[in-house]
Protein backbone atom coordinates (compact mmCIF):
# COMPACT_ATOMS: atom_id res chain seq x y z
CA MET A 1 44.53 -13.44 110.29
CA VAL A 2 48.14 -14.26 110.18
CA ILE A 3 49.13 -17.46 112.03
CA GLU A 4 52.87 -17.01 112.09
CA PHE A 5 56.02 -15.79 110.02
CA THR A 6 59.55 -16.51 110.40
CA SER A 7 62.50 -15.07 108.78
CA SER A 8 66.12 -15.63 107.69
CA TYR A 9 67.17 -12.65 109.66
CA SER A 10 65.17 -13.45 112.65
CA SER A 11 68.29 -14.20 114.95
CA ARG A 12 69.06 -10.53 114.80
CA LYS A 13 67.69 -7.28 116.33
CA MET A 14 67.14 -4.19 114.34
CA TYR A 15 67.17 -0.53 115.62
CA PRO A 16 65.53 2.32 113.76
CA LEU A 17 67.91 5.01 112.42
CA GLN A 18 68.09 8.18 114.65
CA GLY A 19 68.46 10.80 113.59
CA GLU A 20 57.41 18.61 93.09
CA ASN A 21 55.40 16.01 92.43
CA GLN A 22 52.90 15.59 89.15
CA THR A 23 50.19 13.99 91.63
CA PRO A 24 47.68 15.63 94.01
CA PHE A 25 47.61 12.76 96.16
CA SER A 26 51.45 13.16 97.57
CA LEU A 27 50.59 13.78 100.97
CA PHE A 28 52.95 13.80 103.95
CA LEU A 29 52.16 11.53 106.78
CA CYS A 30 51.45 14.29 109.25
CA MET A 31 48.59 15.39 107.19
CA ILE A 32 47.05 11.85 107.23
CA PRO A 33 44.12 11.71 109.67
CA GLY A 34 43.50 8.84 111.87
CA VAL A 35 47.34 7.61 112.22
CA ASP A 36 47.49 5.81 115.27
CA GLN A 37 50.91 6.13 117.03
CA LEU A 38 50.66 3.03 119.12
CA LYS A 39 49.79 0.86 116.09
CA ASN A 40 52.64 2.86 114.23
CA ASN A 41 55.11 1.58 117.00
CA ARG A 42 53.82 -2.05 116.96
CA ALA A 43 54.51 -2.15 113.32
CA VAL A 44 57.94 -0.97 113.69
CA GLU A 45 58.52 -3.55 116.58
CA LEU A 46 57.44 -6.15 114.24
CA LEU A 47 59.78 -5.05 111.50
CA GLN A 48 62.89 -4.63 114.16
CA ARG A 49 62.62 -8.41 114.79
CA VAL A 50 63.57 -9.00 111.23
CA GLY A 51 67.21 -7.96 111.21
CA ASP A 52 69.93 -5.61 112.42
CA LEU A 53 70.39 -2.04 110.79
CA ASP A 54 73.65 -1.25 112.53
CA PRO A 55 75.99 -2.97 110.06
CA TRP A 56 74.65 -0.83 107.19
CA GLN A 57 74.25 2.77 108.72
CA ASP A 58 77.38 4.02 107.46
CA LEU A 59 76.54 2.96 103.75
CA LEU A 60 72.91 4.13 103.86
CA PHE A 61 72.29 6.98 101.26
CA GLU A 62 71.82 10.51 102.71
CA GLY A 63 72.20 14.02 100.80
CA VAL A 64 70.52 14.93 97.46
CA VAL A 65 70.15 12.51 94.60
CA GLY A 66 72.03 13.20 91.63
CA GLU A 67 74.84 15.51 93.34
CA ALA A 68 77.44 12.50 93.20
CA PRO A 69 78.22 10.18 90.31
CA SER A 70 76.09 6.90 90.39
CA LEU A 71 76.79 3.35 89.52
CA PHE A 72 73.52 1.64 88.48
CA LEU A 73 73.28 -1.99 88.47
CA GLU A 74 70.26 -4.30 88.22
CA ASP A 75 71.45 -7.47 90.36
CA PHE A 76 68.68 -10.09 90.59
CA SER A 77 70.40 -12.45 92.94
CA GLY A 78 68.02 -11.76 95.79
CA ILE A 79 65.05 -13.08 93.81
CA PRO A 80 64.42 -16.85 93.88
CA PHE A 81 63.46 -18.92 90.85
CA LEU A 82 63.68 -16.36 88.11
CA ASP A 83 64.38 -19.21 85.76
CA LYS A 84 60.77 -19.08 84.65
CA VAL A 85 61.25 -15.55 83.01
CA LYS A 86 62.65 -16.05 79.53
CA GLY A 87 65.32 -13.80 78.77
CA VAL A 88 65.58 -12.66 82.50
CA GLU A 89 69.66 -12.39 82.21
CA TRP A 90 69.07 -9.65 79.83
CA TYR A 91 66.60 -7.37 81.84
CA GLN A 92 69.87 -5.83 83.70
CA LEU A 93 70.42 -3.74 80.90
CA ARG A 94 67.45 -1.67 82.03
CA SER A 95 69.80 0.14 84.14
CA ARG A 96 70.78 2.31 81.24
CA THR A 97 67.31 3.92 81.63
CA ARG A 98 68.36 5.63 84.80
CA ALA A 99 71.98 6.35 84.11
CA GLY A 100 73.07 9.65 82.69
CA ASP A 101 76.25 11.83 81.98
CA GLY A 102 78.99 11.37 84.52
CA ASP A 103 77.22 7.89 85.72
CA LEU A 104 78.63 4.21 85.41
CA PHE A 105 76.14 1.23 84.73
CA VAL A 106 77.12 -2.20 84.66
CA ALA A 107 76.00 -5.46 83.51
CA THR A 108 77.24 -9.16 82.96
CA GLN A 109 75.71 -9.15 79.48
CA LYS A 110 77.05 -7.32 76.51
CA PRO A 111 75.45 -4.06 75.28
CA VAL A 112 72.84 -4.12 72.15
CA ALA A 113 74.20 -3.03 68.98
CA GLY A 114 72.74 0.12 68.12
CA TYR A 115 70.93 0.74 71.71
CA GLU A 116 73.38 3.26 73.06
CA GLU A 117 73.15 5.46 70.28
CA TYR A 118 69.34 5.38 70.31
CA ASN A 119 69.39 6.43 73.92
CA GLN A 120 71.65 9.46 73.19
CA ARG A 121 70.10 10.48 69.86
CA ASN A 122 66.53 9.69 70.12
CA LEU A 123 65.77 9.85 74.04
CA GLY A 124 68.59 12.39 74.98
CA LEU A 125 69.55 10.26 78.11
CA GLY A 126 73.18 11.40 78.26
CA SER A 127 76.34 9.38 77.86
CA PRO A 128 77.24 7.45 80.74
CA GLU A 129 79.99 4.87 80.85
CA PHE A 130 79.12 1.21 80.25
CA LEU A 131 81.17 -1.62 82.08
CA HIS A 132 80.92 -4.88 81.16
CA ALA A 133 81.53 -7.58 84.11
CA ASP A 134 82.80 -10.52 82.22
CA VAL A 135 83.32 -13.60 84.51
CA PRO A 136 83.31 -16.94 82.54
CA GLY A 137 80.85 -19.55 84.20
CA ALA A 138 79.39 -16.92 86.82
CA ASN A 139 75.62 -16.81 87.07
CA PRO A 140 74.82 -13.87 84.87
CA LEU A 141 72.10 -12.55 87.37
CA CYS A 142 74.58 -12.02 90.32
CA VAL A 143 75.92 -8.58 88.89
CA ALA A 144 77.33 -7.35 92.07
CA GLU A 145 79.40 -10.44 92.77
CA ALA A 146 80.54 -10.33 89.09
CA CYS A 147 81.99 -6.82 89.65
CA LEU A 148 84.04 -8.04 92.79
CA GLN A 149 85.61 -10.86 90.53
CA ASP A 150 86.24 -8.72 87.51
CA THR A 151 89.49 -6.85 88.34
CA SER A 152 89.40 -4.48 85.38
CA VAL A 153 85.75 -3.58 86.39
CA MET A 154 86.57 -3.19 90.12
CA ALA A 155 89.66 -0.99 89.10
CA ARG A 156 87.63 1.30 86.96
CA ILE A 157 84.68 1.84 89.77
CA LYS A 158 87.37 2.45 92.26
CA ALA A 159 88.99 5.19 90.14
CA LYS A 160 85.63 6.79 89.53
CA ALA A 161 84.84 6.69 93.25
CA GLU A 162 88.07 8.38 94.22
CA GLU A 163 87.93 10.82 91.26
CA LYS A 164 84.90 12.47 92.91
CA GLY A 165 85.19 11.56 96.52
CA ARG A 166 81.96 9.70 96.50
CA LEU A 167 80.09 7.15 94.55
CA VAL A 168 76.12 6.19 95.00
CA LEU A 169 75.20 2.79 94.25
CA HIS A 170 71.60 2.57 92.71
CA PRO A 171 70.65 -1.02 92.58
CA TYR A 172 67.43 -2.49 91.45
CA MET A 173 67.02 -4.06 94.63
CA GLY A 174 68.80 -3.95 97.95
CA SER A 175 69.98 -7.52 98.08
CA ASP A 176 72.69 -9.08 100.47
CA ALA A 177 75.09 -9.24 97.45
CA VAL A 178 74.62 -5.49 96.74
CA TRP A 179 75.30 -4.47 100.17
CA LYS A 180 78.35 -6.62 100.45
CA PHE A 181 79.66 -5.06 97.06
CA ALA A 182 79.22 -1.83 98.63
CA ARG A 183 81.13 -2.68 101.83
CA VAL A 184 84.22 -4.05 99.91
CA LEU A 185 84.18 -0.64 97.79
CA GLN A 186 84.18 1.28 101.18
CA ASP A 187 86.90 -0.78 102.40
CA GLN A 188 89.26 -0.53 99.39
CA THR A 189 88.84 2.96 98.54
CA LYS A 190 89.22 6.42 100.22
CA ALA A 191 85.91 7.51 98.86
CA ASP A 192 82.41 7.79 100.57
CA ILE A 193 80.35 5.14 99.30
CA ARG A 194 76.62 5.17 99.59
CA VAL A 195 73.67 2.71 98.57
CA ILE A 196 70.13 4.06 97.59
CA SER A 197 67.98 1.26 98.49
CA PRO A 198 66.52 -0.30 101.79
CA ILE A 199 69.15 -2.05 103.98
CA PRO A 200 68.74 -5.93 103.57
CA PRO A 201 66.37 -6.56 106.46
CA ALA A 202 63.97 -3.89 105.39
CA GLY A 203 63.84 -4.98 101.78
CA TYR A 204 63.41 -8.69 102.75
CA ALA A 205 60.61 -7.58 105.12
CA ALA A 206 59.01 -5.38 102.26
CA ASN A 207 59.16 -8.12 99.70
CA HIS A 208 57.95 -10.67 101.89
CA LYS A 209 54.16 -11.19 101.58
CA GLY A 210 53.36 -12.61 104.96
CA ILE A 211 55.56 -10.10 107.04
CA LEU A 212 53.81 -7.28 104.78
CA THR A 213 50.48 -8.76 105.77
CA SER A 214 51.15 -8.63 109.33
CA VAL A 215 52.35 -4.95 109.22
CA ILE A 216 49.21 -3.89 107.03
CA GLU A 217 46.69 -5.49 109.55
CA ILE A 218 48.48 -3.64 112.55
CA LEU A 219 48.30 -0.23 110.71
CA LEU A 220 45.09 -0.42 108.86
CA GLY A 221 42.93 -3.61 109.92
CA GLU A 222 42.22 -6.74 108.48
CA GLU A 223 39.78 -5.31 105.88
CA ALA A 224 42.97 -3.57 104.13
CA VAL A 225 44.11 -7.14 102.89
CA CYS A 226 42.56 -10.15 101.76
CA ARG A 227 42.09 -12.95 104.42
CA THR A 228 45.47 -14.64 104.68
CA VAL A 229 47.33 -17.14 106.65
CA THR A 230 51.15 -17.54 106.45
CA SER A 231 52.97 -20.49 107.58
CA THR A 232 55.47 -23.29 107.10
CA ASP A 233 53.36 -25.85 108.73
CA HIS A 234 51.03 -27.88 106.50
CA ALA A 235 48.48 -28.68 108.85
CA VAL A 236 48.09 -24.81 109.83
CA LEU A 237 47.68 -24.26 105.92
CA ALA A 238 45.47 -27.15 105.34
CA LYS A 239 43.16 -26.08 108.20
CA ALA A 240 43.15 -22.46 106.70
CA VAL A 241 41.99 -23.70 103.27
CA ARG A 242 39.23 -25.65 104.85
CA ASP A 243 37.93 -22.57 106.83
CA PHE A 244 38.04 -20.16 103.79
CA ALA A 245 36.66 -22.66 101.31
CA SER A 246 33.19 -22.36 102.69
CA GLU A 247 33.18 -18.58 102.22
CA THR A 248 35.04 -18.05 98.93
CA PRO A 249 34.92 -19.62 95.65
CA ALA A 250 38.66 -19.41 94.93
CA LEU A 251 41.86 -19.50 96.81
CA VAL A 252 45.40 -18.73 96.11
CA LEU A 253 48.64 -20.30 97.34
CA LYS A 254 51.63 -17.95 97.15
CA ILE A 255 55.52 -18.49 98.17
CA ALA A 256 56.10 -15.63 100.62
CA ASN A 257 59.27 -14.49 99.22
CA TYR A 258 58.62 -14.83 95.10
CA ALA A 259 58.67 -11.84 92.99
CA SER A 260 55.30 -10.69 91.84
CA ALA A 261 52.68 -13.61 90.59
CA MET A 262 55.51 -16.01 89.84
CA GLY A 263 54.93 -18.14 92.83
CA ASN A 264 51.11 -17.84 92.97
CA GLN A 265 48.55 -20.65 92.03
CA VAL A 266 44.78 -20.19 92.13
CA PHE A 267 42.60 -23.03 93.06
CA ASP A 268 38.88 -23.84 93.27
CA SER A 269 38.21 -23.53 96.93
CA LYS A 270 36.26 -26.86 97.34
CA ASP A 271 38.75 -28.69 95.03
CA LEU A 272 41.77 -27.48 97.32
CA ALA A 273 39.93 -28.20 100.46
CA SER A 274 39.10 -31.87 99.52
CA GLU A 275 42.85 -33.01 99.85
CA ALA A 276 44.35 -29.78 101.13
CA GLU A 277 47.64 -31.23 102.50
CA GLU A 278 48.39 -33.20 99.56
CA LYS A 279 47.68 -30.31 97.16
CA ILE A 280 49.82 -27.88 99.22
CA LEU A 281 52.76 -30.47 98.98
CA GLU A 282 52.27 -30.79 95.12
CA PHE A 283 52.25 -26.94 94.92
CA GLU A 284 55.43 -26.66 97.06
CA LYS A 285 57.17 -29.30 94.89
CA SER A 286 56.26 -27.43 91.75
CA HIS A 287 57.60 -24.22 92.95
CA GLY A 288 60.74 -25.24 94.39
CA TRP A 289 59.98 -25.18 97.98
CA ASN A 290 63.00 -25.51 100.02
CA GLY A 291 61.17 -26.64 103.45
CA LYS A 292 61.83 -23.21 105.14
CA MET A 293 59.90 -20.63 102.85
CA GLU A 294 56.65 -19.53 104.20
CA ILE A 295 53.54 -20.24 102.34
CA LEU A 296 50.53 -18.08 102.15
CA VAL A 297 46.85 -19.19 101.72
CA SER A 298 44.60 -16.37 100.71
CA GLU A 299 41.26 -15.73 99.58
CA TRP A 300 41.10 -15.10 95.78
CA ARG A 301 38.74 -12.34 95.04
CA VAL A 302 36.36 -12.77 91.99
CA ASP A 303 34.98 -9.44 92.21
CA VAL A 304 37.94 -7.51 91.25
CA LEU A 305 37.46 -4.39 89.09
CA GLN A 306 41.19 -3.25 88.51
CA SER A 307 44.41 -3.81 89.94
CA PRO A 308 46.46 -0.40 90.63
CA SER A 309 49.64 0.16 91.87
CA THR A 310 51.01 3.24 93.96
CA GLN A 311 54.54 4.25 93.07
CA ILE A 312 56.67 5.71 96.12
CA TRP A 313 59.65 7.14 96.86
CA ILE A 314 61.22 6.82 100.48
CA PRO A 315 63.96 9.48 101.24
CA PRO A 316 66.32 8.67 104.16
CA LEU A 317 64.88 9.31 107.69
CA GLY A 318 64.98 12.90 108.55
CA GLN A 319 65.48 14.00 104.94
CA GLY A 320 61.88 14.32 104.07
CA ASP A 321 58.60 12.35 103.95
CA PRO A 322 57.80 9.57 101.77
CA ARG A 323 55.94 10.73 98.65
CA VAL A 324 53.59 9.00 96.07
CA ASP A 325 54.95 9.58 92.55
CA GLY A 326 52.21 8.12 90.40
CA ILE A 327 49.27 5.65 90.38
CA PHE A 328 48.97 3.35 87.71
CA GLU A 329 46.71 0.68 86.14
CA GLN A 330 48.48 -2.77 85.82
CA LEU A 331 47.86 -4.80 82.79
CA LEU A 332 47.79 -8.40 84.02
CA GLU A 333 47.28 -11.75 82.28
CA GLY A 334 46.08 -15.02 83.09
CA LEU A 335 44.36 -16.65 86.05
CA GLU A 336 47.41 -15.84 88.45
CA CYS A 337 47.52 -12.29 87.18
CA VAL A 338 51.08 -12.25 85.81
CA PHE A 339 52.42 -8.62 85.14
CA GLN A 340 52.30 -7.53 81.42
CA GLY A 341 52.52 -3.63 81.72
CA SER A 342 50.78 -0.30 83.05
CA MET A 343 49.35 2.91 82.33
CA PRO A 344 48.59 5.96 84.27
CA SER A 345 45.49 5.48 86.33
CA ASN A 346 42.32 7.24 85.68
CA LEU A 347 40.60 6.12 88.51
CA PRO A 348 38.38 8.48 90.45
CA GLY A 349 40.16 11.10 92.58
CA GLU A 350 38.94 9.77 96.00
CA LEU A 351 40.13 6.13 95.33
CA GLN A 352 43.51 7.44 94.12
CA ASP A 353 43.79 9.51 97.35
CA GLU A 354 42.77 6.64 99.63
CA MET A 355 45.39 4.44 98.01
CA GLY A 356 47.91 7.00 98.32
CA ARG A 357 47.18 7.51 102.07
CA MET A 358 47.35 3.86 102.91
CA SER A 359 50.50 3.53 100.88
CA LEU A 360 52.20 6.37 102.74
CA VAL A 361 51.09 4.97 106.17
CA LEU A 362 53.37 1.83 105.17
CA ALA A 363 56.00 3.65 103.73
CA ASP A 364 56.35 5.84 107.04
CA VAL A 365 56.80 2.72 108.81
CA PHE A 366 59.47 1.31 106.37
CA GLN A 367 61.45 4.53 106.48
CA LYS A 368 61.90 4.20 110.12
CA VAL A 369 63.68 0.64 109.70
CA GLY A 370 66.09 1.66 107.22
CA TYR A 371 64.11 1.55 103.90
CA VAL A 372 65.40 4.07 101.26
CA GLY A 373 64.45 4.46 97.63
CA ARG A 374 61.86 3.20 95.20
CA CYS A 375 58.85 1.04 96.45
CA SER A 376 55.60 0.18 95.02
CA PHE A 377 52.37 -1.37 96.19
CA ASP A 378 49.93 -3.60 94.28
CA PHE A 379 46.24 -3.00 94.96
CA ILE A 380 43.06 -4.90 94.07
CA LEU A 381 39.80 -2.63 93.84
CA CYS A 382 36.86 -4.81 94.81
CA GLY A 383 33.02 -4.38 94.56
CA ARG A 384 30.13 -4.06 92.40
CA ASP A 385 31.41 -0.94 90.63
CA LEU A 386 34.06 1.77 91.39
CA SER A 387 31.55 4.10 93.36
CA ASP A 388 31.33 0.65 95.76
CA ALA A 389 35.10 -0.21 95.46
CA ARG A 390 37.53 -0.79 98.44
CA PRO A 391 41.37 -0.91 97.92
CA ARG A 392 42.96 -3.85 99.56
CA PHE A 393 46.73 -4.45 99.50
CA VAL A 394 48.03 -7.39 97.43
CA GLU A 395 51.82 -7.02 98.04
CA CYS A 396 54.96 -4.56 97.97
CA ASN A 397 57.65 -4.41 95.43
CA GLY A 398 60.57 -3.48 97.45
CA ARG A 399 62.65 -2.60 94.40
CA TRP A 400 62.27 -1.08 91.12
CA GLY A 401 60.03 -2.76 88.74
CA GLY A 402 58.05 -3.00 85.37
CA THR A 403 56.06 0.15 86.38
CA SER A 404 58.47 2.59 88.04
CA ILE A 405 61.23 1.93 85.27
CA PRO A 406 59.07 3.31 82.31
CA MET A 407 57.62 6.15 84.78
CA VAL A 408 60.92 7.44 85.49
CA LEU A 409 62.19 7.05 81.87
CA MET A 410 59.06 9.00 80.74
CA GLU A 411 59.89 11.74 83.43
CA ARG A 412 63.82 11.98 82.17
CA ILE A 413 62.48 12.66 78.70
CA PHE A 414 59.68 14.77 79.14
CA GLY A 415 60.24 16.30 82.76
CA LYS A 416 58.22 15.69 85.76
CA GLY A 417 54.70 16.61 85.73
CA LYS A 418 55.00 16.89 81.88
CA THR A 419 54.56 13.42 80.56
CA PRO A 420 51.94 12.81 77.95
CA PHE A 421 49.47 9.94 78.55
CA TYR A 422 51.38 6.44 77.61
CA ARG A 423 50.94 2.70 77.98
CA ALA A 424 54.01 0.43 78.83
CA ARG A 425 54.33 -3.12 78.17
CA ASP A 426 56.48 -6.28 77.21
CA TYR A 427 56.14 -7.24 73.69
CA VAL A 428 56.91 -10.71 72.64
CA ASP A 429 56.50 -12.24 69.25
CA PRO A 430 58.50 -15.59 68.06
CA ALA A 431 58.71 -13.83 64.54
CA LEU A 432 61.04 -11.14 66.01
CA GLU A 433 63.48 -14.02 67.06
CA GLY A 434 67.01 -13.05 65.42
CA VAL A 435 65.85 -9.52 64.50
CA ALA A 436 68.30 -6.94 65.20
CA PHE A 437 67.33 -3.91 67.31
CA THR A 438 68.55 -1.68 64.47
CA GLU A 439 66.05 -3.32 62.25
CA ILE A 440 63.06 -2.78 64.56
CA CYS A 441 64.10 0.81 64.62
CA ASN A 442 64.38 0.86 60.81
CA ARG A 443 60.62 -0.63 60.75
CA LEU A 444 59.36 1.92 63.30
CA GLY A 445 60.90 4.80 60.97
CA ASP A 446 59.47 8.12 61.91
CA SER A 447 56.82 6.62 64.60
CA LEU A 448 60.06 6.05 66.91
CA PHE A 449 59.94 9.08 69.19
CA ASP A 450 62.56 11.48 68.76
CA ARG A 451 63.19 14.01 71.52
CA THR A 452 64.95 16.63 69.49
CA THR A 453 61.94 16.84 67.09
CA GLY A 454 59.12 15.71 69.57
CA LYS A 455 57.74 13.57 66.81
CA GLY A 456 56.77 9.93 67.04
CA HIS A 457 55.16 7.86 69.58
CA TYR A 458 56.98 4.88 70.36
CA ILE A 459 59.85 4.31 72.79
CA LEU A 460 61.74 1.27 73.11
CA TYR A 461 63.90 -0.34 76.35
CA ASN A 462 64.96 -3.61 77.95
CA VAL A 463 65.76 -4.68 74.42
CA GLY A 464 68.41 -7.16 75.24
CA CYS A 465 65.89 -10.19 74.92
CA LEU A 466 64.95 -9.14 71.32
CA ARG A 467 67.58 -11.29 69.40
CA ASP A 468 67.29 -14.77 71.48
CA PHE A 469 63.40 -14.62 72.57
CA GLY A 470 61.60 -11.90 70.18
CA LYS A 471 60.95 -9.93 73.34
CA PHE A 472 61.53 -6.14 74.43
CA ASP A 473 59.63 -3.45 76.20
CA VAL A 474 57.74 -0.47 74.24
CA ILE A 475 55.97 2.57 75.55
CA ALA A 476 53.27 4.03 73.41
CA ILE A 477 52.40 7.90 73.66
CA GLY A 478 48.82 9.14 72.99
CA LYS A 479 46.65 12.23 73.47
CA ASP A 480 44.51 10.03 75.69
CA ARG A 481 44.53 6.37 76.91
CA GLU A 482 42.51 5.13 73.87
CA GLU A 483 44.96 6.49 71.27
CA ALA A 484 48.06 5.12 73.44
CA SER A 485 46.03 1.74 73.60
CA SER A 486 45.23 1.59 70.05
CA ARG A 487 48.77 2.37 68.90
CA LEU A 488 50.30 -0.20 71.17
CA GLU A 489 47.88 -2.92 70.45
CA GLU A 490 47.02 -2.42 66.85
CA GLU A 491 49.57 -0.23 64.98
CA PHE A 492 52.58 -1.38 66.75
CA PRO A 493 52.55 -5.07 65.79
CA GLU A 494 51.65 -4.04 62.23
CA ARG A 495 54.74 -1.75 61.97
CA ILE A 496 57.45 -3.86 63.54
CA LEU A 497 56.20 -6.96 61.22
CA GLY A 498 56.74 -4.68 58.34
CA LYS A 499 53.10 -4.69 57.46
CA LEU A 500 52.90 -0.83 57.43
């Protein structure tokens, strides 16, 4: 049951737009039995209360992806409290994994020596143009704002847009800052500027755990999520804690608009219920609560078998149905289940089909309220075993992320539907602090994948954090999940530490 939710966009009204897949579970919504149109309409109406679509319609992408030059950027200004993530300011260089010939990609951080050559030589990812938005003293996570302040970067972007008559922005996430940036470009050029991302109210709703829970319960019923109460009222939250504590051994408190599990804290149910309001206040204080953000109380399932995710693409309304691009097993760490990596799922087909069906029911509603682009849904599978398992939604990632980025990178390298089995994760070792990217490549030697020869089995990306934090992302390729896992967890550490 969801008690309430509020929104920073709640004073406005939103109106709906007018107007080859490697997996067998990419179904169109019209093929899904049991979709209740009345429930669909109720969910759309709920989302329409989040904000106004009208100011953004002329910038919302339409057409065929890839026909016009693109500007790729990873602006994190719409995600609160990322200071807990080491080296997050360097993550924006991941935009290179999606950029190709004729494109631009921009970052506030300088490129890593040797990384561009690696992308061109080893991975065959073309030769896009890099722009460094250098604004002294500015927040490095605010890439869109930095572009607006850097006159040379703005001049180059405008020139690129007017050269072809059109420029498509591919942001990591459709934050307010990105759409403001797009509006300025549209106003200051004669080119047609478009954005591939959800409009701000749609993106806000998708990423808001409380709003998402309400939409799921309308469309698919309360059994499709863990029991949840969302509120800013401490008394309401404390009552939910006491009500839930008698029926479940563990509870989780969540900040509704935090990314992933960073705003989660798991408690013993009886311990939390004993001084519920005091502990909720302590949780809020430790997580930077501003007095307005919604808090969720949810049951924390202890019978979780797996934590898969569905990777979704949502085209503009009227230009095709949402599709499932893949289903992946997530690699999670710690009690709060913080994301560490992913690999393609080997779950039974009926479970994958069910998660695909459930995801597309939500994606269809999102599409009607201005959601365009990449989206993913996190699930848990609960039960005695997989034959007894039921999928439940955990959250939506209304943006690119740690699973979709390597998924699309592998498709670019090998071709859609032709990717070998792989496992991707971030790798951290303090012993690598101060080590150059080129030295890591030297240590991997011929085990580093080369697209020209087809030899090697390691692919590197997100390498900006390496020198300062000994941290980067790696994909290990194998003939099956066992070989990929063995290479990643056993062979890889040995190689990069110079022991092989």
